[in-house]
Protein backbone atom coordinates (compact mmCIF):
# COMPACT_ATOMS: atom_id res chain seq x y z
CA MET A 1 -21.65 -21.68 -37.03
CA SER A 2 -21.82 -25.57 -36.64
CA THR A 3 -17.87 -25.54 -37.57
CA ARG A 4 -17.26 -23.40 -34.72
CA VAL A 5 -19.56 -25.01 -32.31
CA LYS A 6 -17.72 -28.46 -33.17
CA GLU A 7 -14.16 -26.75 -32.56
CA ALA A 8 -15.29 -25.18 -29.33
CA PHE A 9 -16.41 -28.25 -27.93
CA THR A 10 -13.41 -30.54 -29.39
CA GLU A 11 -11.26 -27.92 -27.61
CA SER A 12 -13.01 -27.74 -24.26
CA VAL A 13 -13.18 -31.49 -24.25
CA ARG A 14 -9.39 -31.40 -24.89
CA LEU A 15 -8.33 -29.19 -22.96
CA LEU A 16 -10.52 -30.70 -19.91
CA ALA A 17 -8.86 -34.16 -20.43
CA SER A 18 -5.63 -32.64 -20.79
CA VAL A 19 -5.65 -31.05 -17.55
CA TYR A 20 -7.13 -33.94 -15.77
CA ALA A 21 -4.06 -35.91 -16.64
CA ARG A 22 -1.71 -33.58 -15.71
CA ASP A 23 -3.01 -31.84 -12.77
CA ALA A 24 -5.66 -33.90 -10.97
CA GLY A 25 -3.34 -34.56 -7.83
CA ALA A 26 -2.63 -30.85 -7.51
CA ILE A 27 -6.67 -30.37 -8.01
CA GLU A 28 -7.23 -32.43 -5.29
CA ARG A 29 -4.64 -30.87 -2.98
CA MET A 30 -5.76 -27.45 -3.63
CA GLY A 31 -9.47 -28.61 -2.88
CA ARG A 32 -8.46 -30.44 0.23
CA ARG A 33 -6.79 -27.20 1.42
CA LEU A 34 -9.74 -25.12 0.88
CA ALA A 35 -11.97 -27.66 2.71
CA GLU A 36 -9.43 -27.86 5.51
CA THR A 37 -9.99 -24.26 5.75
CA VAL A 38 -13.51 -23.95 6.28
CA ARG A 39 -13.66 -27.14 8.73
CA ARG A 40 -11.30 -25.23 11.04
CA GLY A 41 -13.58 -22.19 10.62
CA GLY A 42 -11.37 -20.03 8.42
CA VAL A 43 -12.75 -17.68 5.90
CA VAL A 44 -12.17 -18.42 2.29
CA PHE A 45 -11.74 -15.35 0.33
CA PHE A 46 -12.03 -15.30 -3.74
CA ALA A 47 -10.59 -12.56 -5.89
CA GLY A 48 -10.91 -12.10 -9.92
CA ASN A 49 -11.79 -9.71 -12.64
CA GLY A 50 -14.51 -9.70 -15.07
CA GLY A 51 -15.28 -13.42 -15.67
CA SER A 52 -13.07 -14.38 -12.84
CA ALA A 53 -15.12 -12.00 -10.52
CA ALA A 54 -18.19 -13.43 -11.76
CA GLU A 55 -16.85 -16.86 -11.05
CA ALA A 56 -15.51 -15.69 -7.42
CA GLN A 57 -19.24 -14.80 -6.68
CA HIS A 58 -20.43 -17.89 -7.99
CA PHE A 59 -18.04 -19.95 -6.14
CA ALA A 60 -18.62 -17.96 -2.72
CA THR A 61 -22.35 -18.43 -2.98
CA GLU A 62 -22.09 -22.14 -3.30
CA LEU A 63 -20.21 -22.27 -0.18
CA VAL A 64 -22.41 -19.63 2.06
CA CYS A 65 -25.69 -20.95 0.73
CA ARG A 66 -25.22 -24.43 -0.46
CA TYR A 67 -23.66 -26.39 -3.40
CA VAL A 68 -25.81 -29.71 -3.53
CA ARG A 69 -27.53 -30.14 -0.04
CA ASN A 70 -28.65 -28.48 2.94
CA ARG A 71 -25.73 -27.93 5.97
CA ARG A 72 -24.14 -25.35 7.80
CA ALA A 73 -23.18 -22.05 5.99
CA LEU A 74 -19.37 -22.24 5.10
CA PRO A 75 -17.51 -18.89 5.63
CA ALA A 76 -16.56 -17.30 2.04
CA ILE A 77 -16.29 -13.74 0.24
CA ALA A 78 -16.03 -12.68 -3.20
CA LEU A 79 -13.73 -9.77 -3.10
CA SER A 80 -15.44 -8.31 -6.07
CA ALA A 81 -18.97 -8.11 -4.39
CA ASP A 82 -19.39 -4.94 -2.40
CA THR A 83 -19.58 -1.83 -4.83
CA SER A 84 -19.10 0.56 -2.26
CA VAL A 85 -15.93 -0.67 -0.92
CA LEU A 86 -14.71 -1.47 -4.68
CA THR A 87 -15.64 2.16 -5.75
CA ALA A 88 -14.38 3.81 -2.62
CA THR A 89 -11.02 2.08 -2.51
CA GLY A 90 -10.40 2.59 -6.18
CA ASN A 91 -11.13 6.37 -5.89
CA ASP A 92 -9.02 6.60 -2.98
CA TYR A 93 -6.16 4.49 -3.15
CA GLY A 94 -6.40 3.24 -6.71
CA PHE A 95 -7.90 0.20 -8.46
CA ASP A 96 -4.70 -1.93 -7.64
CA ARG A 97 -5.87 -2.05 -4.15
CA VAL A 98 -9.40 -3.00 -4.45
CA PHE A 99 -9.14 -6.19 -3.07
CA ALA A 100 -6.07 -5.89 -0.91
CA ARG A 101 -7.83 -3.54 1.21
CA THR A 102 -10.53 -5.70 2.17
CA LEU A 103 -7.90 -8.79 3.07
CA GLU A 104 -6.18 -5.71 5.18
CA ALA A 105 -9.45 -5.39 7.20
CA LEU A 106 -10.92 -8.94 7.39
CA GLY A 107 -8.24 -11.50 6.27
CA ARG A 108 -6.30 -13.36 8.97
CA LYS A 109 -3.85 -16.15 9.79
CA GLY A 110 -5.96 -19.51 8.69
CA ASP A 111 -7.73 -18.00 6.06
CA LEU A 112 -7.19 -18.61 2.20
CA LEU A 113 -7.20 -16.42 -0.74
CA VAL A 114 -8.58 -17.95 -4.16
CA ALA A 115 -6.48 -15.76 -6.50
CA MET A 116 -7.90 -16.09 -10.32
CA SER A 117 -6.53 -14.32 -13.04
CA THR A 118 -6.47 -16.28 -16.77
CA SER A 119 -4.00 -13.58 -17.74
CA GLY A 120 -1.82 -13.88 -14.34
CA ARG A 121 -1.51 -10.24 -14.76
CA SER A 122 -4.11 -8.61 -12.90
CA ARG A 123 -2.17 -6.26 -10.81
CA ASN A 124 -5.22 -5.98 -8.10
CA VAL A 125 -4.79 -9.74 -7.85
CA LEU A 126 -1.48 -9.50 -7.51
CA ALA A 127 -1.96 -6.99 -4.65
CA ALA A 128 -4.45 -9.26 -3.32
CA ILE A 129 -1.87 -12.16 -3.00
CA ARG A 130 0.96 -9.65 -1.24
CA GLU A 131 -1.58 -8.44 1.31
CA ALA A 132 -2.31 -12.15 2.10
CA ARG A 133 1.15 -12.88 2.67
CA ARG A 134 1.23 -10.13 5.17
CA GLN A 135 -1.97 -11.49 6.99
CA LYS A 136 0.12 -14.85 7.13
CA MET A 137 -2.87 -16.20 4.58
CA ARG A 138 -2.52 -19.20 2.29
CA VAL A 139 -3.07 -19.05 -1.31
CA ILE A 140 -4.27 -21.00 -4.09
CA GLY A 141 -4.35 -19.72 -7.28
CA LEU A 142 -6.32 -19.83 -10.85
CA THR A 143 -4.98 -18.74 -14.25
CA GLY A 144 -4.13 -19.38 -18.03
CA SER A 145 -0.87 -20.63 -19.55
CA ARG A 146 0.90 -16.84 -19.54
CA GLY A 147 0.21 -16.85 -15.85
CA LYS A 148 3.52 -19.04 -14.77
CA ALA A 149 4.94 -16.03 -13.08
CA PHE A 150 1.80 -15.65 -11.14
CA ALA A 151 1.24 -19.00 -10.22
CA ALA A 152 4.89 -18.84 -8.43
CA LYS A 153 3.56 -16.25 -6.14
CA CYS A 154 0.97 -18.50 -4.80
CA ASP A 155 1.23 -21.75 -2.78
CA GLU A 156 0.01 -23.76 -5.19
CA CYS A 157 -1.48 -22.99 -8.59
CA LEU A 158 -3.65 -24.42 -11.73
CA VAL A 159 -1.92 -23.07 -14.79
CA VAL A 160 -4.65 -24.25 -17.35
CA PRO A 161 -2.42 -24.73 -20.74
CA SER A 162 -4.22 -22.38 -22.64
CA THR A 163 -4.40 -18.54 -23.89
CA GLU A 164 -8.12 -18.36 -24.99
CA THR A 165 -9.78 -16.89 -21.86
CA ALA A 166 -13.11 -18.68 -22.20
CA ARG A 167 -11.65 -21.98 -22.50
CA VAL A 168 -9.34 -21.19 -19.34
CA GLN A 169 -12.50 -20.10 -17.25
CA GLU A 170 -14.63 -23.13 -18.29
CA VAL A 171 -11.65 -25.27 -16.62
CA HIS A 172 -12.01 -23.05 -13.70
CA LEU A 173 -15.60 -23.43 -13.30
CA LEU A 174 -15.42 -27.16 -13.19
CA VAL A 175 -12.48 -27.00 -10.69
CA GLY A 176 -14.05 -24.42 -8.41
CA HIS A 177 -17.03 -27.06 -8.45
CA LEU A 178 -14.97 -29.43 -7.37
CA TRP A 179 -13.53 -27.52 -4.70
CA CYS A 180 -17.16 -26.33 -3.61
CA GLU A 181 -17.85 -30.34 -3.15
CA MET A 182 -15.29 -31.19 -1.32
CA ALA A 183 -15.77 -28.34 1.17
CA GLU A 184 -19.30 -29.05 1.45
CA GLY A 185 -18.44 -32.72 2.43
CA VAL A 186 -16.34 -31.60 5.54
CA ALA A 187 -19.47 -29.52 6.51
CA GLY A 188 -21.56 -32.87 7.92
CA ALA A 189 -22.73 -36.11 6.74
CA GLY A 190 -26.20 -36.64 5.65
CA ARG A 191 -28.72 -36.36 2.61
CA ALA A 192 -29.87 -32.99 1.51
CA LYS A 193 -33.50 -32.27 1.95
CA SER A 194 -35.25 -29.72 -0.30
CA PRO A 195 -35.59 -26.51 1.20
CA ALA A 196 -38.94 -25.99 -0.69
CA ARG A 197 -40.32 -29.51 0.79
CA SER A 198 -39.27 -28.62 4.21
CA LYS A 199 -41.38 -25.28 3.86
CA ALA A 200 -44.17 -27.21 2.48
CA ARG A 201 -44.24 -29.68 5.32
CA ARG A 202 -43.92 -26.92 8.01
CA ALA A 203 -46.74 -25.12 6.70
CA LYS A 204 -48.94 -28.27 7.07
CA ARG A 205 -48.52 -28.24 10.83
């Protein structure tokens, strides 16, 4: 197992360094687009399946609650989070429409879709991209090396040069955290105070 641990860490570090060298500028541009969306009051929608669904919920939580510091809540929705909508839409319209249906209801011009698919072949995410286009939304993407056709459907997309799902998602996680940090930066300056400490101070009054 020790050999496998070394291999996994070595590959992950190599991949992160490769993406940074090739795509740092694109990552920053996409992060600025996301930050500008929330600064203007637009909503950021995240769409993905499986591990990407988990990351979608993770990133939406970082924006709505907080990433590092206290500030106003930022508008973000993970399209995989509402099980009633997912199951009803899947049952009535098919699984391909589970994300697009919510975008049809809630997406508007000025909003942003973050489309996530390690394979680039997720039909429900592709349908979400099409719906986002109909709603005049912008689209940024996260995918792996098989997702070049997927990337072409986005305004801009990070294509991680790997076919190994776990390694691709590790890069997506770091990039998503950077985007959340950039979005948090437009929500007002100032050092964060611990919510627990603030609550304790209020209790003493």
